[in-house]
N, C-alpha and C. Protein backbone atom coordinates (compact mmCIF):
# COMPACT_ATOMS: atom_id res chain seq x y z
N UNK A 1 44.84 196.90 -21.53
CA UNK A 1 43.42 197.09 -21.73
C UNK A 1 42.97 198.20 -20.80
N UNK A 2 42.21 199.15 -21.34
CA UNK A 2 41.70 200.25 -20.54
C UNK A 2 40.52 199.78 -19.71
N UNK A 3 40.37 200.35 -18.48
CA UNK A 3 39.23 200.03 -17.64
C UNK A 3 37.96 200.69 -18.19
N UNK A 4 36.86 200.12 -17.87
CA UNK A 4 35.58 200.66 -18.30
C UNK A 4 35.04 201.50 -17.15
N UNK A 5 34.66 202.74 -17.41
CA UNK A 5 34.12 203.61 -16.38
C UNK A 5 32.61 203.55 -16.33
N UNK A 6 32.06 203.65 -15.12
CA UNK A 6 30.62 203.65 -14.93
C UNK A 6 30.23 204.92 -14.21
N UNK A 7 29.15 205.51 -14.62
CA UNK A 7 28.60 206.66 -13.93
C UNK A 7 27.17 206.34 -13.53
N UNK A 8 26.73 206.96 -12.46
CA UNK A 8 25.36 206.72 -12.02
C UNK A 8 25.20 207.20 -10.59
N UNK A 9 24.12 206.81 -9.99
CA UNK A 9 23.88 207.19 -8.61
C UNK A 9 23.86 205.94 -7.76
N UNK A 10 24.16 206.14 -6.52
CA UNK A 10 24.19 205.04 -5.57
C UNK A 10 23.48 205.49 -4.31
N UNK A 11 22.71 204.59 -3.74
CA UNK A 11 21.96 204.92 -2.53
C UNK A 11 22.46 204.07 -1.38
N UNK A 12 22.85 204.70 -0.32
CA UNK A 12 23.28 204.00 0.88
C UNK A 12 22.34 204.40 2.02
N UNK A 13 21.40 203.52 2.35
CA UNK A 13 20.46 203.87 3.43
C UNK A 13 21.18 204.03 4.76
N UNK A 14 20.80 205.04 5.49
CA UNK A 14 21.43 205.35 6.77
C UNK A 14 20.93 204.48 7.90
N UNK A 15 19.83 203.74 7.69
CA UNK A 15 19.23 202.99 8.79
C UNK A 15 19.79 201.58 8.95
N UNK A 16 20.66 201.15 8.05
CA UNK A 16 21.22 199.82 8.19
C UNK A 16 22.27 199.86 9.30
N UNK A 17 22.31 199.00 10.28
CA UNK A 17 21.58 197.74 10.40
C UNK A 17 20.24 197.86 11.11
N UNK A 18 19.81 199.07 11.49
CA UNK A 18 18.51 199.23 12.16
C UNK A 18 17.50 199.65 11.11
N UNK A 19 16.61 198.77 10.74
CA UNK A 19 15.64 199.03 9.69
C UNK A 19 14.31 199.45 10.31
N UNK A 20 13.85 200.70 10.11
CA UNK A 20 12.59 201.13 10.70
C UNK A 20 11.36 200.48 10.07
N UNK A 21 11.53 199.85 8.91
CA UNK A 21 10.42 199.17 8.26
C UNK A 21 10.24 197.74 8.74
N UNK A 22 11.10 197.29 9.62
CA UNK A 22 11.01 195.92 10.12
C UNK A 22 9.82 195.80 11.07
N UNK A 23 9.08 194.73 10.94
CA UNK A 23 7.94 194.48 11.81
C UNK A 23 7.75 192.98 11.98
N UNK A 24 6.94 192.62 12.92
CA UNK A 24 6.55 191.23 13.07
C UNK A 24 5.10 191.21 13.52
N UNK A 25 4.47 190.11 13.27
CA UNK A 25 3.06 189.99 13.66
C UNK A 25 2.69 188.53 13.81
N UNK A 26 1.65 188.31 14.58
CA UNK A 26 1.11 186.97 14.73
C UNK A 26 -0.40 187.04 14.64
N UNK A 27 -0.99 185.96 14.19
CA UNK A 27 -2.45 185.88 14.14
C UNK A 27 -2.90 184.60 14.84
N UNK A 28 -4.07 184.67 15.40
CA UNK A 28 -4.73 183.51 15.97
C UNK A 28 -6.11 183.43 15.33
N UNK A 29 -6.44 182.28 14.79
CA UNK A 29 -7.73 182.10 14.15
C UNK A 29 -8.31 180.76 14.61
N UNK A 30 -9.39 180.81 15.35
CA UNK A 30 -10.05 179.62 15.84
C UNK A 30 -11.45 179.60 15.25
N UNK A 31 -11.84 178.48 14.66
CA UNK A 31 -13.15 178.42 14.00
C UNK A 31 -13.76 177.03 14.18
N UNK A 32 -15.08 177.01 14.11
CA UNK A 32 -15.83 175.75 14.16
C UNK A 32 -17.02 175.87 13.22
N UNK A 33 -17.42 174.74 12.66
CA UNK A 33 -18.56 174.73 11.73
C UNK A 33 -19.43 173.51 12.03
N UNK A 34 -20.71 173.73 12.08
CA UNK A 34 -21.67 172.65 12.27
C UNK A 34 -22.76 172.79 11.22
N UNK A 35 -23.22 171.65 10.71
CA UNK A 35 -24.29 171.70 9.71
C UNK A 35 -25.16 170.46 9.82
N UNK A 36 -26.33 170.57 9.23
CA UNK A 36 -27.25 169.43 9.18
C UNK A 36 -28.07 169.52 7.90
N UNK A 37 -28.50 168.39 7.42
CA UNK A 37 -29.34 168.29 6.22
C UNK A 37 -30.69 167.70 6.61
N UNK A 38 -31.74 168.16 5.94
CA UNK A 38 -33.06 167.58 6.16
C UNK A 38 -33.92 167.77 4.92
N UNK A 39 -34.92 166.94 4.79
CA UNK A 39 -35.84 166.99 3.66
C UNK A 39 -36.99 167.92 3.98
N UNK A 40 -37.25 168.84 3.07
CA UNK A 40 -38.42 169.72 3.18
C UNK A 40 -39.62 169.03 2.54
N UNK A 41 -39.36 168.41 1.39
CA UNK A 41 -40.38 167.61 0.70
C UNK A 41 -39.64 166.46 0.01
N UNK A 42 -40.37 165.68 -0.78
CA UNK A 42 -39.76 164.55 -1.44
C UNK A 42 -38.67 164.98 -2.42
N UNK A 43 -38.83 166.15 -3.05
CA UNK A 43 -37.87 166.62 -4.05
C UNK A 43 -37.01 167.79 -3.58
N UNK A 44 -37.25 168.28 -2.38
CA UNK A 44 -36.50 169.45 -1.90
C UNK A 44 -35.81 169.14 -0.58
N UNK A 45 -34.50 169.43 -0.55
CA UNK A 45 -33.70 169.25 0.65
C UNK A 45 -33.12 170.59 1.08
N UNK A 46 -32.79 170.68 2.34
CA UNK A 46 -32.14 171.89 2.86
C UNK A 46 -30.91 171.48 3.65
N UNK A 47 -29.90 172.29 3.55
CA UNK A 47 -28.69 172.11 4.34
C UNK A 47 -28.43 173.43 5.04
N UNK A 48 -28.40 173.40 6.37
CA UNK A 48 -28.14 174.63 7.12
C UNK A 48 -26.88 174.43 7.95
N UNK A 49 -26.17 175.53 8.17
CA UNK A 49 -24.94 175.44 8.93
C UNK A 49 -24.62 176.76 9.60
N UNK A 50 -23.70 176.69 10.53
CA UNK A 50 -23.24 177.88 11.24
C UNK A 50 -21.76 177.76 11.49
N UNK A 51 -21.01 178.78 11.07
CA UNK A 51 -19.58 178.87 11.33
C UNK A 51 -19.37 179.95 12.39
N UNK A 52 -18.55 179.62 13.38
CA UNK A 52 -18.18 180.56 14.44
C UNK A 52 -16.68 180.77 14.33
N UNK A 53 -16.25 182.04 14.34
CA UNK A 53 -14.83 182.33 14.16
C UNK A 53 -14.36 183.41 15.12
N UNK A 54 -13.20 183.19 15.71
CA UNK A 54 -12.55 184.17 16.57
C UNK A 54 -11.17 184.45 15.98
N UNK A 55 -10.93 185.71 15.58
CA UNK A 55 -9.71 186.10 14.89
C UNK A 55 -9.04 187.24 15.65
N UNK A 56 -7.75 187.10 15.91
CA UNK A 56 -7.00 188.18 16.55
C UNK A 56 -5.64 188.31 15.88
N UNK A 57 -5.15 189.57 15.80
CA UNK A 57 -3.88 189.84 15.15
C UNK A 57 -3.07 190.77 16.05
N UNK A 58 -1.78 190.43 16.22
CA UNK A 58 -0.87 191.20 17.07
C UNK A 58 0.26 191.76 16.21
N UNK A 59 0.73 192.98 16.55
CA UNK A 59 1.71 193.70 15.74
C UNK A 59 2.83 194.24 16.62
N UNK A 60 4.06 194.07 16.13
CA UNK A 60 5.23 194.68 16.76
C UNK A 60 5.96 195.45 15.67
N UNK A 61 6.12 196.76 15.88
CA UNK A 61 6.79 197.61 14.90
C UNK A 61 6.42 199.06 15.13
N UNK A 62 6.59 199.87 14.10
CA UNK A 62 6.31 201.30 14.16
C UNK A 62 5.28 201.63 13.08
N UNK A 63 4.23 202.41 13.44
CA UNK A 63 3.24 202.78 12.44
C UNK A 63 3.67 204.05 11.70
N UNK A 64 2.86 204.54 10.79
CA UNK A 64 3.21 205.70 9.97
C UNK A 64 3.39 206.98 10.78
N UNK A 65 2.73 207.05 11.91
CA UNK A 65 2.85 208.24 12.76
C UNK A 65 4.05 208.14 13.69
N UNK A 66 4.77 207.04 13.65
CA UNK A 66 5.96 206.87 14.47
C UNK A 66 5.68 206.24 15.83
N UNK A 67 4.44 205.79 16.07
CA UNK A 67 4.12 205.15 17.34
C UNK A 67 4.65 203.73 17.34
N UNK A 68 5.30 203.34 18.43
CA UNK A 68 5.87 202.00 18.54
C UNK A 68 4.88 201.05 19.20
N UNK A 69 4.81 199.85 18.65
CA UNK A 69 3.94 198.81 19.18
C UNK A 69 4.79 197.59 19.53
N UNK A 70 4.48 196.97 20.65
CA UNK A 70 5.17 195.76 21.06
C UNK A 70 4.13 194.68 21.36
N UNK A 71 3.94 193.79 20.40
CA UNK A 71 2.95 192.72 20.51
C UNK A 71 1.58 193.27 20.88
N UNK A 72 1.17 194.33 20.19
CA UNK A 72 -0.09 195.03 20.45
C UNK A 72 -1.23 194.36 19.69
N UNK A 73 -2.34 194.13 20.36
CA UNK A 73 -3.53 193.59 19.71
C UNK A 73 -4.13 194.68 18.81
N UNK A 74 -4.15 194.44 17.49
CA UNK A 74 -4.64 195.45 16.55
C UNK A 74 -5.95 195.03 15.87
N UNK A 75 -6.25 193.73 15.84
CA UNK A 75 -7.52 193.25 15.30
C UNK A 75 -8.04 192.18 16.26
N UNK A 76 -9.29 192.35 16.69
CA UNK A 76 -9.92 191.37 17.56
C UNK A 76 -11.37 191.24 17.10
N UNK A 77 -11.69 190.15 16.42
CA UNK A 77 -13.00 190.02 15.81
C UNK A 77 -13.59 188.64 16.10
N UNK A 78 -14.84 188.63 16.47
CA UNK A 78 -15.58 187.40 16.72
C UNK A 78 -16.86 187.47 15.91
N UNK A 79 -17.18 186.40 15.20
CA UNK A 79 -18.37 186.48 14.36
C UNK A 79 -19.05 185.14 14.14
N UNK A 80 -20.33 185.24 13.78
CA UNK A 80 -21.16 184.10 13.39
C UNK A 80 -21.46 184.22 11.91
N UNK A 81 -21.34 183.12 11.17
CA UNK A 81 -21.57 183.13 9.73
C UNK A 81 -22.53 181.99 9.37
N UNK A 82 -23.81 182.31 9.22
CA UNK A 82 -24.79 181.27 8.89
C UNK A 82 -24.75 180.90 7.41
N UNK A 83 -25.22 179.69 7.10
CA UNK A 83 -25.29 179.22 5.72
C UNK A 83 -26.59 178.46 5.50
N UNK A 84 -27.17 178.64 4.32
CA UNK A 84 -28.39 177.91 3.94
C UNK A 84 -28.27 177.52 2.48
N UNK A 85 -28.46 176.24 2.20
CA UNK A 85 -28.47 175.72 0.83
C UNK A 85 -29.76 174.95 0.62
N UNK A 86 -30.42 175.24 -0.50
CA UNK A 86 -31.63 174.51 -0.88
C UNK A 86 -31.31 173.70 -2.13
N UNK A 87 -31.75 172.45 -2.14
CA UNK A 87 -31.48 171.54 -3.25
C UNK A 87 -32.81 170.99 -3.75
N UNK A 88 -33.09 171.28 -5.02
CA UNK A 88 -34.32 170.81 -5.64
C UNK A 88 -33.97 169.75 -6.68
N UNK A 89 -34.57 168.57 -6.58
CA UNK A 89 -34.32 167.47 -7.51
C UNK A 89 -35.17 167.67 -8.76
N UNK A 90 -34.55 168.14 -9.84
CA UNK A 90 -35.25 168.34 -11.10
C UNK A 90 -35.60 166.98 -11.70
N UNK A 91 -34.62 166.09 -11.74
CA UNK A 91 -34.81 164.69 -12.14
C UNK A 91 -34.03 163.83 -11.14
N UNK A 92 -34.00 162.52 -11.38
CA UNK A 92 -33.24 161.65 -10.49
C UNK A 92 -31.74 161.93 -10.56
N UNK A 93 -31.28 162.45 -11.71
CA UNK A 93 -29.85 162.69 -11.91
C UNK A 93 -29.48 164.16 -11.98
N UNK A 94 -30.43 165.06 -11.75
CA UNK A 94 -30.16 166.49 -11.82
C UNK A 94 -30.69 167.20 -10.58
N UNK A 95 -29.86 168.06 -10.02
CA UNK A 95 -30.26 168.90 -8.89
C UNK A 95 -30.08 170.36 -9.23
N UNK A 96 -30.94 171.17 -8.71
CA UNK A 96 -30.85 172.62 -8.82
C UNK A 96 -30.58 173.15 -7.41
N UNK A 97 -29.50 173.88 -7.27
CA UNK A 97 -29.08 174.34 -5.94
C UNK A 97 -29.19 175.86 -5.83
N UNK A 98 -29.62 176.29 -4.67
CA UNK A 98 -29.70 177.72 -4.35
C UNK A 98 -28.92 177.97 -3.08
């Protein structure tokens, strides 16, 4: 039986076993939320809340410009996120929410 020949191209990356695209990262996300409900009128209720979040991200690797990072803080964000919901009782079994 004759062997079957194959033609084509083959790519052998020169960076193996050192891969320049290798990276690692970690994130820390701490958050808290508090809310309360109260009646505005007999048919209207309000629910208000506040979320507080602290987010940080660390990176180890090489960026597009070739700069090396070792557990570098790249995102550091702290924020407040308020919430307000209004509930209007259209009937005893129906609510309209905003």
